[in-house]
Amino acid sequence: MHEVMKDRILRRLETLPEDRLYQVLDYIEFLESKYAERQAPGPNVFQRFAEGVEDTLRAGNVSASTVAEAMGFMSKAMGVLSGVAAAGKSVASDIAGTGKPRASEPPRPAPDQKAPGEPKPPG
């Protein structure tokens, strides 16, 4: 999809109330099931969880405004969790990097081994 089409669709969607947006989503999913030329990329773990919660709320006839409010909270929580996951990965890579010798440093011999070029002890 080209950017002009995306922008045009988004402008139209921004004018609709929440309950109509869910109708649009349902229609898009219907069209996708009938006419999609390729499969849509799958959601990540957080998105899949949030979409499951959203679908459950909608199936329970919860008002669209309540669902939208709940999803706003979920979105904020997903942002925090994504940040935590990224920080965890960064810390893990830093920890993993500290155990490796730097490229400019020669590897250190084990205490019971001699360093390269070191004379053998007498005996």
PDB file of N, CA and C in Angstrom:
ATOM      1  N   MET A   1       0.856  -1.169   0.000  1.00  0.00           N
ATOM      2  CA  MET A   1       0.000   0.000   0.000  1.00  0.00           C
ATOM      3  C   MET A   1       0.902   1.232   0.000  1.00  0.00           C
ATOM      4  N   HIS A   2       0.574   2.187  -0.832  1.00  0.00           N
ATOM      5  CA  HIS A   2       1.395   3.392  -0.906  1.00  0.00           C
ATOM      6  C   HIS A   2       0.995   4.390   0.196  1.00  0.00           C
ATOM      7  N   GLU A   3       1.894   5.314   0.481  1.00  0.00           N
ATOM      8  CA  GLU A   3       1.725   6.242   1.599  1.00  0.00           C
ATOM      9  C   GLU A   3       0.495   7.137   1.447  1.00  0.00           C
ATOM     10  N   VAL A   4       0.187   7.549   0.225  1.00  0.00           N
ATOM     11  CA  VAL A   4      -0.977   8.420   0.011  1.00  0.00           C
ATOM     12  C   VAL A   4      -2.253   7.689   0.443  1.00  0.00           C
ATOM     13  N   MET A   5      -2.356   6.409   0.076  1.00  0.00           N
ATOM     14  CA  MET A   5      -3.536   5.626   0.448  1.00  0.00           C
ATOM     15  C   MET A   5      -3.602   5.440   1.962  1.00  0.00           C
ATOM     16  N   LYS A   6      -2.455   5.113   2.590  1.00  0.00           N
ATOM     17  CA  LYS A   6      -2.424   4.948   4.054  1.00  0.00           C
ATOM     18  C   LYS A   6      -2.881   6.224   4.746  1.00  0.00           C
ATOM     19  N   ASP A   7      -2.340   7.352   4.325  1.00  0.00           N
ATOM     20  CA  ASP A   7      -2.684   8.635   4.939  1.00  0.00           C
ATOM     21  C   ASP A   7      -4.165   8.948   4.749  1.00  0.00           C
ATOM     22  N   ARG A   8      -4.681   8.664   3.579  1.00  0.00           N
ATOM     23  CA  ARG A   8      -6.101   8.934   3.290  1.00  0.00           C
ATOM     24  C   ARG A   8      -7.004   8.088   4.195  1.00  0.00           C
ATOM     25  N   ILE A   9      -6.675   6.815   4.340  1.00  0.00           N
ATOM     26  CA  ILE A   9      -7.468   5.925   5.194  1.00  0.00           C
ATOM     27  C   ILE A   9      -7.381   6.378   6.651  1.00  0.00           C
ATOM     28  N   LEU A  10      -6.177   6.697   7.118  1.00  0.00           N
ATOM     29  CA  LEU A  10      -6.009   7.136   8.512  1.00  0.00           C
ATOM     30  C   LEU A  10      -6.783   8.422   8.793  1.00  0.00           C
ATOM     31  N   ARG A  11      -6.774   9.374   7.849  1.00  0.00           N
ATOM     32  CA  ARG A  11      -7.535  10.618   8.032  1.00  0.00           C
ATOM     33  C   ARG A  11      -9.011  10.317   8.210  1.00  0.00           C
ATOM     34  N   ARG A  12      -9.529   9.394   7.420  1.00  0.00           N
ATOM     35  CA  ARG A  12     -10.956   9.038   7.506  1.00  0.00           C
ATOM     36  C   ARG A  12     -11.254   8.321   8.822  1.00  0.00           C
ATOM     37  N   LEU A  13     -10.358   7.439   9.243  1.00  0.00           N
ATOM     38  CA  LEU A  13     -10.578   6.693  10.473  1.00  0.00           C
ATOM     39  C   LEU A  13     -10.584   7.601  11.701  1.00  0.00           C
ATOM     40  N   GLU A  14      -9.739   8.629  11.674  1.00  0.00           N
ATOM     41  CA  GLU A  14      -9.636   9.530  12.823  1.00  0.00           C
ATOM     42  C   GLU A  14     -10.919  10.287  13.107  1.00  0.00           C
ATOM     43  N   THR A  15     -11.823  10.370  12.144  1.00  0.00           N
ATOM     44  CA  THR A  15     -13.068  11.103  12.346  1.00  0.00           C
ATOM     45  C   THR A  15     -14.179  10.242  12.932  1.00  0.00           C
ATOM     46  N   LEU A  16     -13.978   8.920  12.965  1.00  0.00           N
ATOM     47  CA  LEU A  16     -15.038   8.006  13.397  1.00  0.00           C
ATOM     48  C   LEU A  16     -15.014   7.749  14.900  1.00  0.00           C
ATOM     49  N   PRO A  17     -16.192   7.525  15.496  1.00  0.00           N
ATOM     50  CA  PRO A  17     -16.231   7.145  16.918  1.00  0.00           C
ATOM     51  C   PRO A  17     -15.748   5.703  17.094  1.00  0.00           C
ATOM     52  N   GLU A  18     -15.402   5.356  18.339  1.00  0.00           N
ATOM     53  CA  GLU A  18     -14.822   4.043  18.644  1.00  0.00           C
ATOM     54  C   GLU A  18     -15.668   2.877  18.141  1.00  0.00           C
ATOM     55  N   ASP A  19     -16.990   2.932  18.356  1.00  0.00           N
ATOM     56  CA  ASP A  19     -17.822   1.796  17.957  1.00  0.00           C
ATOM     57  C   ASP A  19     -17.804   1.587  16.455  1.00  0.00           C
ATOM     58  N   ARG A  20     -17.685   2.641  15.681  1.00  0.00           N
ATOM     59  CA  ARG A  20     -17.601   2.514  14.222  1.00  0.00           C
ATOM     60  C   ARG A  20     -16.233   1.990  13.788  1.00  0.00           C
ATOM     61  N   LEU A  21     -15.210   2.314  14.553  1.00  0.00           N
ATOM     62  CA  LEU A  21     -13.880   1.793  14.235  1.00  0.00           C
ATOM     63  C   LEU A  21     -13.855   0.278  14.347  1.00  0.00           C
ATOM     64  N   TYR A  22     -14.576  -0.265  15.323  1.00  0.00           N
ATOM     65  CA  TYR A  22     -14.646  -1.719  15.441  1.00  0.00           C
ATOM     66  C   TYR A  22     -15.396  -2.331  14.267  1.00  0.00           C
ATOM     67  N   GLN A  23     -16.386  -1.629  13.747  1.00  0.00           N
ATOM     68  CA  GLN A  23     -17.072  -2.114  12.548  1.00  0.00           C
ATOM     69  C   GLN A  23     -16.124  -2.113  11.360  1.00  0.00           C
ATOM     70  N   VAL A  24     -15.314  -1.068  11.255  1.00  0.00           N
ATOM     71  CA  VAL A  24     -14.324  -0.995  10.171  1.00  0.00           C
ATOM     72  C   VAL A  24     -13.327  -2.148  10.304  1.00  0.00           C
ATOM     73  N   LEU A  25     -12.847  -2.406  11.512  1.00  0.00           N
ATOM     74  CA  LEU A  25     -11.916  -3.504  11.740  1.00  0.00           C
ATOM     75  C   LEU A  25     -12.532  -4.832  11.338  1.00  0.00           C
ATOM     76  N   ASP A  26     -13.770  -5.050  11.743  1.00  0.00           N
ATOM     77  CA  ASP A  26     -14.462  -6.294  11.372  1.00  0.00           C
ATOM     78  C   ASP A  26     -14.568  -6.431   9.857  1.00  0.00           C
ATOM     79  N   TYR A  27     -14.868  -5.328   9.181  1.00  0.00           N
ATOM     80  CA  TYR A  27     -15.001  -5.367   7.725  1.00  0.00           C
ATOM     81  C   TYR A  27     -13.648  -5.634   7.059  1.00  0.00           C
ATOM     82  N   ILE A  28     -12.605  -5.006   7.565  1.00  0.00           N
ATOM     83  CA  ILE A  28     -11.261  -5.240   7.021  1.00  0.00           C
ATOM     84  C   ILE A  28     -10.881  -6.702   7.191  1.00  0.00           C
ATOM     85  N   GLU A  29     -11.157  -7.272   8.363  1.00  0.00           N
ATOM     86  CA  GLU A  29     -10.835  -8.685   8.592  1.00  0.00           C
ATOM     87  C   GLU A  29     -11.650  -9.591   7.675  1.00  0.00           C
ATOM     88  N   PHE A  30     -12.901  -9.217   7.415  1.00  0.00           N
ATOM     89  CA  PHE A  30     -13.723  -9.976   6.469  1.00  0.00           C
ATOM     90  C   PHE A  30     -13.116  -9.911   5.070  1.00  0.00           C
ATOM     91  N   LEU A  31     -12.774  -8.695   4.618  1.00  0.00           N
ATOM     92  CA  LEU A  31     -12.165  -8.541   3.288  1.00  0.00           C
ATOM     93  C   LEU A  31     -10.855  -9.305   3.188  1.00  0.00           C
ATOM     94  N   GLU A  32     -10.068  -9.254   4.247  1.00  0.00           N
ATOM     95  CA  GLU A  32      -8.795  -9.968   4.280  1.00  0.00           C
ATOM     96  C   GLU A  32      -9.016 -11.469   4.118  1.00  0.00           C
ATOM     97  N   SER A  33     -10.031 -11.995   4.793  1.00  0.00           N
ATOM     98  CA  SER A  33     -10.286 -13.432   4.704  1.00  0.00           C
ATOM     99  C   SER A  33     -10.727 -13.847   3.298  1.00  0.00           C
ATOM    100  N   LYS A  34     -11.332 -12.942   2.575  1.00  0.00           N
ATOM    101  CA  LYS A  34     -11.820 -13.260   1.223  1.00  0.00           C
ATOM    102  C   LYS A  34     -10.797 -12.968   0.124  1.00  0.00           C
ATOM    103  N   TYR A  35     -10.071 -11.846   0.260  1.00  0.00           N
ATOM    104  CA  TYR A  35      -9.314 -11.353  -0.885  1.00  0.00           C
ATOM    105  C   TYR A  35      -7.819 -11.121  -0.663  1.00  0.00           C
ATOM    106  N   ALA A  36      -7.307 -11.404   0.505  1.00  0.00           N
ATOM    107  CA  ALA A  36      -5.892 -11.103   0.774  1.00  0.00           C
ATOM    108  C   ALA A  36      -4.992 -11.863  -0.195  1.00  0.00           C
ATOM    109  N   GLU A  37      -4.026 -11.146  -0.759  1.00  0.00           N
ATOM    110  CA  GLU A  37      -3.056 -11.755  -1.679  1.00  0.00           C
ATOM    111  C   GLU A  37      -1.922 -12.442  -0.931  1.00  0.00           C
ATOM    112  N   ARG A  38      -1.716 -12.036   0.319  1.00  0.00           N
ATOM    113  CA  ARG A  38      -0.698 -12.656   1.168  1.00  0.00           C
ATOM    114  C   ARG A  38      -1.169 -12.543   2.608  1.00  0.00           C
ATOM    115  N   GLN A  39      -0.559 -13.336   3.467  1.00  0.00           N
ATOM    116  CA  GLN A  39      -0.941 -13.331   4.874  1.00  0.00           C
ATOM    117  C   GLN A  39      -0.326 -12.119   5.561  1.00  0.00           C
ATOM    118  N   ALA A  40      -1.110 -11.484   6.405  1.00  0.00           N
ATOM    119  CA  ALA A  40      -0.619 -10.332   7.166  1.00  0.00           C
ATOM    120  C   ALA A  40       0.451 -10.802   8.145  1.00  0.00           C
ATOM    121  N   PRO A  41       1.439  -9.957   8.434  1.00  0.00           N
ATOM    122  CA  PRO A  41       2.455 -10.351   9.411  1.00  0.00           C
ATOM    123  C   PRO A  41       1.800 -10.580  10.768  1.00  0.00           C
ATOM    124  N   GLY A  42       2.276 -11.588  11.472  1.00  0.00           N
ATOM    125  CA  GLY A  42       1.709 -11.929  12.770  1.00  0.00           C
ATOM    126  C   GLY A  42       2.090 -10.918  13.830  1.00  0.00           C
ATOM    127  N   PRO A  43       1.231 -10.768  14.842  1.00  0.00           N
ATOM    128  CA  PRO A  43       1.547  -9.839  15.929  1.00  0.00           C
ATOM    129  C   PRO A  43       2.609 -10.421  16.848  1.00  0.00           C
ATOM    130  N   ASN A  44       3.311  -9.534  17.555  1.00  0.00           N
ATOM    131  CA  ASN A  44       4.270 -10.021  18.549  1.00  0.00           C
ATOM    132  C   ASN A  44       3.509 -10.515  19.784  1.00  0.00           C
ATOM    133  N   VAL A  45       4.200 -10.990  20.774  1.00  0.00           N
ATOM    134  CA  VAL A  45       3.570 -11.583  21.955  1.00  0.00           C
ATOM    135  C   VAL A  45       2.660 -10.580  22.659  1.00  0.00           C
ATOM    136  N   PHE A  46       3.154  -9.350  22.845  1.00  0.00           N
ATOM    137  CA  PHE A  46       2.360  -8.331  23.533  1.00  0.00           C
ATOM    138  C   PHE A  46       1.106  -7.989  22.732  1.00  0.00           C
ATOM    139  N   GLN A  47       1.251  -7.826  21.420  1.00  0.00           N
ATOM    140  CA  GLN A  47       0.107  -7.501  20.566  1.00  0.00           C
ATOM    141  C   GLN A  47      -0.916  -8.629  20.576  1.00  0.00           C
ATOM    142  N   ARG A  48      -0.445  -9.865  20.506  1.00  0.00           N
ATOM    143  CA  ARG A  48      -1.342 -11.012  20.504  1.00  0.00           C
ATOM    144  C   ARG A  48      -2.147 -11.057  21.808  1.00  0.00           C
ATOM    145  N   PHE A  49      -1.490 -10.797  22.926  1.00  0.00           N
ATOM    146  CA  PHE A  49      -2.175 -10.768  24.219  1.00  0.00           C
ATOM    147  C   PHE A  49      -3.225  -9.655  24.246  1.00  0.00           C
ATOM    148  N   ALA A  50      -2.821  -8.447  23.827  1.00  0.00           N
ATOM    149  CA  ALA A  50      -3.744  -7.307  23.844  1.00  0.00           C
ATOM    150  C   ALA A  50      -4.945  -7.551  22.921  1.00  0.00           C
ATOM    151  N   GLU A  51      -4.693  -8.115  21.744  1.00  0.00           N
ATOM    152  CA  GLU A  51      -5.792  -8.391  20.816  1.00  0.00           C
ATOM    153  C   GLU A  51      -6.729  -9.448  21.391  1.00  0.00           C
ATOM    154  N   GLY A  52      -6.191 -10.420  22.112  1.00  0.00           N
ATOM    155  CA  GLY A  52      -7.026 -11.425  22.762  1.00  0.00           C
ATOM    156  C   GLY A  52      -7.925 -10.807  23.825  1.00  0.00           C
ATOM    157  N   VAL A  53      -7.353  -9.900  24.626  1.00  0.00           N
ATOM    158  CA  VAL A  53      -8.136  -9.202  25.644  1.00  0.00           C
ATOM    159  C   VAL A  53      -9.222  -8.365  24.975  1.00  0.00           C
ATOM    160  N   GLU A  54      -8.835  -7.654  23.922  1.00  0.00           N
ATOM    161  CA  GLU A  54      -9.796  -6.806  23.206  1.00  0.00           C
ATOM    162  C   GLU A  54     -10.933  -7.637  22.621  1.00  0.00           C
ATOM    163  N   ASP A  55     -10.612  -8.745  21.984  1.00  0.00           N
ATOM    164  CA  ASP A  55     -11.638  -9.607  21.407  1.00  0.00           C
ATOM    165  C   ASP A  55     -12.563 -10.166  22.481  1.00  0.00           C
ATOM    166  N   THR A  56     -12.003 -10.519  23.639  1.00  0.00           N
ATOM    167  CA  THR A  56     -12.814 -11.043  24.742  1.00  0.00           C
ATOM    168  C   THR A  56     -13.775  -9.980  25.263  1.00  0.00           C
ATOM    169  N   LEU A  57     -13.286  -8.764  25.423  1.00  0.00           N
ATOM    170  CA  LEU A  57     -14.151  -7.672  25.881  1.00  0.00           C
ATOM    171  C   LEU A  57     -15.267  -7.401  24.874  1.00  0.00           C
ATOM    172  N   ARG A  58     -14.907  -7.395  23.608  1.00  0.00           N
ATOM    173  CA  ARG A  58     -15.920  -7.152  22.572  1.00  0.00           C
ATOM    174  C   ARG A  58     -16.958  -8.266  22.549  1.00  0.00           C
ATOM    175  N   ALA A  59     -16.520  -9.505  22.713  1.00  0.00           N
ATOM    176  CA  ALA A  59     -17.455 -10.639  22.718  1.00  0.00           C
ATOM    177  C   ALA A  59     -18.387 -10.578  23.923  1.00  0.00           C
ATOM    178  N   GLY A  60     -17.935  -9.953  25.006  1.00  0.00           N
ATOM    179  CA  GLY A  60     -18.748  -9.805  26.210  1.00  0.00           C
ATOM    180  C   GLY A  60     -19.663  -8.604  26.164  1.00  0.00           C
ATOM    181  N   ASN A  61     -19.813  -7.996  25.000  1.00  0.00           N
ATOM    182  CA  ASN A  61     -20.691  -6.833  24.798  1.00  0.00           C
ATOM    183  C   ASN A  61     -20.337  -5.653  25.700  1.00  0.00           C
ATOM    184  N   VAL A  62     -19.055  -5.474  25.961  1.00  0.00           N
ATOM    185  CA  VAL A  62     -18.585  -4.309  26.695  1.00  0.00           C
ATOM    186  C   VAL A  62     -18.633  -3.131  25.725  1.00  0.00           C
ATOM    187  N   SER A  63     -19.005  -1.957  26.220  1.00  0.00           N
ATOM    188  CA  SER A  63     -19.147  -0.793  25.339  1.00  0.00           C
ATOM    189  C   SER A  63     -17.817  -0.471  24.657  1.00  0.00           C
ATOM    190  N   ALA A  64     -17.928   0.093  23.465  1.00  0.00           N
ATOM    191  CA  ALA A  64     -16.733   0.419  22.675  1.00  0.00           C
ATOM    192  C   ALA A  64     -15.848   1.418  23.400  1.00  0.00           C
ATOM    193  N   SER A  65     -16.449   2.364  24.116  1.00  0.00           N
ATOM    194  CA  SER A  65     -15.627   3.350  24.830  1.00  0.00           C
ATOM    195  C   SER A  65     -14.856   2.695  25.977  1.00  0.00           C
ATOM    196  N   THR A  66     -15.469   1.727  26.650  1.00  0.00           N
ATOM    197  CA  THR A  66     -14.781   1.013  27.729  1.00  0.00           C
ATOM    198  C   THR A  66     -13.656   0.148  27.165  1.00  0.00           C
ATOM    199  N   VAL A  67     -13.930  -0.511  26.048  1.00  0.00           N
ATOM    200  CA  VAL A  67     -12.891  -1.322  25.399  1.00  0.00           C
ATOM    201  C   VAL A  67     -11.732  -0.422  24.984  1.00  0.00           C
ATOM    202  N   ALA A  68     -12.047   0.731  24.390  1.00  0.00           N
ATOM    203  CA  ALA A  68     -11.001   1.658  23.952  1.00  0.00           C
ATOM    204  C   ALA A  68     -10.167   2.147  25.133  1.00  0.00           C
ATOM    205  N   GLU A  69     -10.828   2.441  26.251  1.00  0.00           N
ATOM    206  CA  GLU A  69     -10.098   2.883  27.437  1.00  0.00           C
ATOM    207  C   GLU A  69      -9.194   1.770  27.967  1.00  0.00           C
ATOM    208  N   ALA A  70      -9.723   0.563  28.020  1.00  0.00           N
ATOM    209  CA  ALA A  70      -8.924  -0.577  28.482  1.00  0.00           C
ATOM    210  C   ALA A  70      -7.733  -0.796  27.556  1.00  0.00           C
ATOM    211  N   MET A  71      -7.944  -0.665  26.261  1.00  0.00           N
ATOM    212  CA  MET A  71      -6.858  -0.876  25.309  1.00  0.00           C
ATOM    213  C   MET A  71      -5.824   0.244  25.397  1.00  0.00           C
ATOM    214  N   GLY A  72      -6.249   1.438  25.768  1.00  0.00           N
ATOM    215  CA  GLY A  72      -5.295   2.528  25.999  1.00  0.00           C
ATOM    216  C   GLY A  72      -4.352   2.192  27.147  1.00  0.00           C
ATOM    217  N   PHE A  73      -4.934   1.631  28.227  1.00  0.00           N
ATOM    218  CA  PHE A  73      -4.107   1.197  29.355  1.00  0.00           C
ATOM    219  C   PHE A  73      -3.178   0.057  28.935  1.00  0.00           C
ATOM    220  N   MET A  74      -3.712  -0.877  28.147  1.00  0.00           N
ATOM    221  CA  MET A  74      -2.896  -2.004  27.672  1.00  0.00           C
ATOM    222  C   MET A  74      -1.736  -1.491  26.821  1.00  0.00           C
ATOM    223  N   SER A  75      -2.005  -0.505  25.992  1.00  0.00           N
ATOM    224  CA  SER A  75      -0.972   0.051  25.123  1.00  0.00           C
ATOM    225  C   SER A  75       0.155   0.666  25.953  1.00  0.00           C
ATOM    226  N   LYS A  76      -0.222   1.404  26.993  1.00  0.00           N
ATOM    227  CA  LYS A  76       0.792   1.997  27.873  1.00  0.00           C
ATOM    228  C   LYS A  76       1.599   0.903  28.574  1.00  0.00           C
ATOM    229  N   ALA A  77       0.908  -0.125  29.046  1.00  0.00           N
ATOM    230  CA  ALA A  77       1.599  -1.228  29.718  1.00  0.00           C
ATOM    231  C   ALA A  77       2.532  -1.949  28.754  1.00  0.00           C
ATOM    232  N   MET A  78       2.097  -2.140  27.509  1.00  0.00           N
ATOM    233  CA  MET A  78       2.947  -2.802  26.517  1.00  0.00           C
ATOM    234  C   MET A  78       4.188  -1.969  26.236  1.00  0.00           C
ATOM    235  N   GLY A  79       4.043  -0.638  26.229  1.00  0.00           N
ATOM    236  CA  GLY A  79       5.202   0.224  26.040  1.00  0.00           C
ATOM    237  C   GLY A  79       6.206   0.064  27.163  1.00  0.00           C
ATOM    238  N   VAL A  80       5.702  -0.009  28.392  1.00  0.00           N
ATOM    239  CA  VAL A  80       6.584  -0.189  29.546  1.00  0.00           C
ATOM    240  C   VAL A  80       7.270  -1.556  29.465  1.00  0.00           C
ATOM    241  N   LEU A  81       6.492  -2.592  29.177  1.00  0.00           N
ATOM    242  CA  LEU A  81       7.077  -3.934  29.099  1.00  0.00           C
ATOM    243  C   LEU A  81       8.099  -4.041  27.973  1.00  0.00           C
ATOM    244  N   SER A  82       7.843  -3.386  26.861  1.00  0.00           N
ATOM    245  CA  SER A  82       8.812  -3.397  25.760  1.00  0.00           C
ATOM    246  C   SER A  82      10.105  -2.721  26.188  1.00  0.00           C
ATOM    247  N   GLY A  83       9.984  -1.628  26.928  1.00  0.00           N
ATOM    248  CA  GLY A  83      11.165  -0.945  27.439  1.00  0.00           C
ATOM    249  C   GLY A  83      11.944  -1.806  28.411  1.00  0.00           C
ATOM    250  N   VAL A  84      11.220  -2.498  29.270  1.00  0.00           N
ATOM    251  CA  VAL A  84      11.868  -3.397  30.236  1.00  0.00           C
ATOM    252  C   VAL A  84      12.576  -4.534  29.504  1.00  0.00           C
ATOM    253  N   ALA A  85      11.914  -5.091  28.488  1.00  0.00           N
ATOM    254  CA  ALA A  85      12.530  -6.186  27.721  1.00  0.00           C
ATOM    255  C   ALA A  85      13.791  -5.700  27.015  1.00  0.00           C
ATOM    256  N   ALA A  86      13.738  -4.500  26.435  1.00  0.00           N
ATOM    257  CA  ALA A  86      14.919  -3.962  25.762  1.00  0.00           C
ATOM    258  C   ALA A  86      16.049  -3.712  26.751  1.00  0.00           C
ATOM    259  N   ALA A  87      15.715  -3.201  27.935  1.00  0.00           N
ATOM    260  CA  ALA A  87      16.739  -2.963  28.952  1.00  0.00           C
ATOM    261  C   ALA A  87      17.343  -4.290  29.413  1.00  0.00           C
ATOM    262  N   GLY A  88      16.504  -5.306  29.573  1.00  0.00           N
ATOM    263  CA  GLY A  88      17.000  -6.622  29.972  1.00  0.00           C
ATOM    264  C   GLY A  88      17.952  -7.198  28.952  1.00  0.00           C
ATOM    265  N   LYS A  89      17.619  -7.051  27.668  1.00  0.00           N
ATOM    266  CA  LYS A  89      18.507  -7.544  26.615  1.00  0.00           C
ATOM    267  C   LYS A  89      19.832  -6.797  26.634  1.00  0.00           C
ATOM    268  N   SER A  90      19.770  -5.496  26.856  1.00  0.00           N
ATOM    269  CA  SER A  90      20.990  -4.689  26.895  1.00  0.00           C
ATOM    270  C   SER A  90      21.886  -5.115  28.055  1.00  0.00           C
ATOM    271  N   VAL A  91      21.286  -5.308  29.224  1.00  0.00           N
ATOM    272  CA  VAL A  91      22.059  -5.743  30.391  1.00  0.00           C
ATOM    273  C   VAL A  91      22.656  -7.128  30.141  1.00  0.00           C
ATOM    274  N   ALA A  92      21.858  -8.026  29.574  1.00  0.00           N
ATOM    275  CA  ALA A  92      22.357  -9.377  29.301  1.00  0.00           C
ATOM    276  C   ALA A  92      23.518  -9.347  28.320  1.00  0.00           C
ATOM    277  N   SER A  93      23.424  -8.519  27.288  1.00  0.00           N
ATOM    278  CA  SER A  93      24.530  -8.457  26.324  1.00  0.00           C
ATOM    279  C   SER A  93      25.766  -7.815  26.954  1.00  0.00           C
ATOM    280  N   ASP A  94      25.558  -6.829  27.856  1.00  0.00           N
ATOM    281  CA  ASP A  94      26.696  -6.227  28.561  1.00  0.00           C
ATOM    282  C   ASP A  94      27.380  -7.252  29.458  1.00  0.00           C
ATOM    283  N   ILE A  95      26.583  -8.048  30.167  1.00  0.00           N
ATOM    284  CA  ILE A  95      27.151  -9.075  31.049  1.00  0.00           C
ATOM    285  C   ILE A  95      27.885 -10.123  30.232  1.00  0.00           C
ATOM    286  N   ALA A  96      27.289 -10.543  29.128  1.00  0.00           N
ATOM    287  CA  ALA A  96      27.935 -11.535  28.278  1.00  0.00           C
ATOM    288  C   ALA A  96      29.227 -10.984  27.690  1.00  0.00           C
ATOM    289  N   GLY A  97      29.260  -9.689  27.411  1.00  0.00           N
ATOM    290  CA  GLY A  97      30.456  -9.067  26.842  1.00  0.00           C
ATOM    291  C   GLY A  97      31.587  -8.913  27.827  1.00  0.00           C
ATOM    292  N   THR A  98      31.289  -8.857  29.125  1.00  0.00           N
ATOM    293  CA  THR A  98      32.364  -8.670  30.113  1.00  0.00           C
ATOM    294  C   THR A  98      33.203  -9.919  30.297  1.00  0.00           C
ATOM    295  N   GLY A  99      32.684 -11.080  29.998  1.00  0.00           N
ATOM    296  CA  GLY A  99      33.444 -12.314  30.161  1.00  0.00           C
ATOM    297  C   GLY A  99      34.367 -12.605  29.007  1.00  0.00           C
ATOM    298  N   LYS A 100      34.244 -11.880  27.915  1.00  0.00           N
ATOM    299  CA  LYS A 100      35.068 -12.127  26.739  1.00  0.00           C
ATOM    300  C   LYS A 100      36.252 -11.160  26.730  1.00  0.00           C
ATOM    301  N   PRO A 101      37.447 -11.632  26.354  1.00  0.00           N
ATOM    302  CA  PRO A 101      38.584 -10.705  26.263  1.00  0.00           C
ATOM    303  C   PRO A 101      38.387  -9.762  25.089  1.00  0.00           C
ATOM    304  N   ARG A 102      38.899  -8.564  25.237  1.00  0.00           N
ATOM    305  CA  ARG A 102      38.843  -7.599  24.137  1.00  0.00           C
ATOM    306  C   ARG A 102      39.771  -8.054  23.025  1.00  0.00           C
ATOM    307  N   ALA A 103      39.485  -7.615  21.815  1.00  0.00           N
ATOM    308  CA  ALA A 103      40.280  -8.036  20.659  1.00  0.00           C
ATOM    309  C   ALA A 103      41.731  -7.592  20.792  1.00  0.00           C
ATOM    310  N   SER A 104      41.980  -6.465  21.468  1.00  0.00           N
ATOM    311  CA  SER A 104      43.347  -5.956  21.576  1.00  0.00           C
ATOM    312  C   SER A 104      44.129  -6.650  22.691  1.00  0.00           C
ATOM    313  N   GLU A 105      43.458  -7.331  23.601  1.00  0.00           N
ATOM    314  CA  GLU A 105      44.144  -8.007  24.694  1.00  0.00           C
ATOM    315  C   GLU A 105      44.418  -9.460  24.339  1.00  0.00           C
ATOM    316  N   PRO A 106      45.644  -9.940  24.614  1.00  0.00           N
ATOM    317  CA  PRO A 106      45.873 -11.372  24.411  1.00  0.00           C
ATOM    318  C   PRO A 106      45.139 -12.142  25.501  1.00  0.00           C
ATOM    319  N   PRO A 107      44.724 -13.350  25.218  1.00  0.00           N
ATOM    320  CA  PRO A 107      44.032 -14.130  26.255  1.00  0.00           C
ATOM    321  C   PRO A 107      44.962 -14.404  27.429  1.00  0.00           C
ATOM    322  N   ARG A 108      44.438 -14.365  28.615  1.00  0.00           N
ATOM    323  CA  ARG A 108      45.224 -14.615  29.821  1.00  0.00           C
ATOM    324  C   ARG A 108      45.326 -16.114  30.044  1.00  0.00           C
ATOM    325  N   PRO A 109      46.518 -16.615  30.401  1.00  0.00           N
ATOM    326  CA  PRO A 109      46.645 -18.059  30.661  1.00  0.00           C
ATOM    327  C   PRO A 109      45.996 -18.417  31.986  1.00  0.00           C
ATOM    328  N   ALA A 110      45.605 -19.654  32.097  1.00  0.00           N
ATOM    329  CA  ALA A 110      45.075 -20.159  33.361  1.00  0.00           C
ATOM    330  C   ALA A 110      46.197 -20.135  34.386  1.00  0.00           C
ATOM    331  N   PRO A 111      45.884 -20.084  35.687  1.00  0.00           N
ATOM    332  CA  PRO A 111      46.938 -19.993  36.716  1.00  0.00           C
ATOM    333  C   PRO A 111      47.965 -21.117  36.654  1.00  0.00           C
ATOM    334  N   ASP A 112      47.609 -22.307  36.192  1.00  0.00           N
ATOM    335  CA  ASP A 112      48.563 -23.418  36.163  1.00  0.00           C
ATOM    336  C   ASP A 112      49.310 -23.516  34.833  1.00  0.00           C
ATOM    337  N   GLN A 113      49.101 -22.559  33.936  1.00  0.00           N
ATOM    338  CA  GLN A 113      49.789 -22.562  32.643  1.00  0.00           C
ATOM    339  C   GLN A 113      50.736 -21.376  32.582  1.00  0.00           C
ATOM    340  N   LYS A 114      51.758 -21.500  31.712  1.00  0.00           N
ATOM    341  CA  LYS A 114      52.678 -20.385  31.533  1.00  0.00           C
ATOM    342  C   LYS A 114      52.199 -19.519  30.390  1.00  0.00           C
ATOM    343  N   ALA A 115      52.526 -18.255  30.450  1.00  0.00           N
ATOM    344  CA  ALA A 115      52.180 -17.326  29.377  1.00  0.00           C
ATOM    345  C   ALA A 115      53.064 -17.606  28.174  1.00  0.00           C
ATOM    346  N   PRO A 116      52.605 -17.300  26.956  1.00  0.00           N
ATOM    347  CA  PRO A 116      53.441 -17.522  25.772  1.00  0.00           C
ATOM    348  C   PRO A 116      54.742 -16.731  25.888  1.00  0.00           C
ATOM    349  N   GLY A 117      55.851 -17.339  25.542  1.00  0.00           N
ATOM    350  CA  GLY A 117      57.161 -16.684  25.576  1.00  0.00           C
ATOM    351  C   GLY A 117      57.806 -16.675  26.959  1.00  0.00           C
ATOM    352  N   GLU A 118      57.112 -17.165  27.974  1.00  0.00           N
ATOM    353  CA  GLU A 118      57.650 -17.194  29.334  1.00  0.00           C
ATOM    354  C   GLU A 118      58.545 -18.442  29.463  1.00  0.00           C
ATOM    355  N   PRO A 119      59.729 -18.300  30.058  1.00  0.00           N
ATOM    356  CA  PRO A 119      60.623 -19.467  30.170  1.00  0.00           C
ATOM    357  C   PRO A 119      60.006 -20.511  31.113  1.00  0.00           C
ATOM    358  N   LYS A 120      60.374 -21.748  30.837  1.00  0.00           N
ATOM    359  CA  LYS A 120      59.889 -22.837  31.681  1.00  0.00           C
ATOM    360  C   LYS A 120      60.560 -22.756  33.047  1.00  0.00           C
ATOM    361  N   PRO A 121      59.808 -23.048  34.093  1.00  0.00           N
ATOM    362  CA  PRO A 121      60.439 -23.054  35.422  1.00  0.00           C
ATOM    363  C   PRO A 121      61.426 -24.200  35.540  1.00  0.00           C
ATOM    364  N   PRO A 122      62.520 -24.011  36.286  1.00  0.00           N
ATOM    365  CA  PRO A 122      63.514 -25.095  36.428  1.00  0.00           C
ATOM    366  C   PRO A 122      62.902 -26.285  37.186  1.00  0.00           C
ATOM    367  N   GLY A 123      63.286 -27.404  36.784  1.00  0.00           N
ATOM    368  CA  GLY A 123      62.948 -28.514  37.589  1.00  0.00           C
ATOM    369  C   GLY A 123      62.359 -29.644  36.979  1.00  0.00           C
TER     370      GLY A 123
END
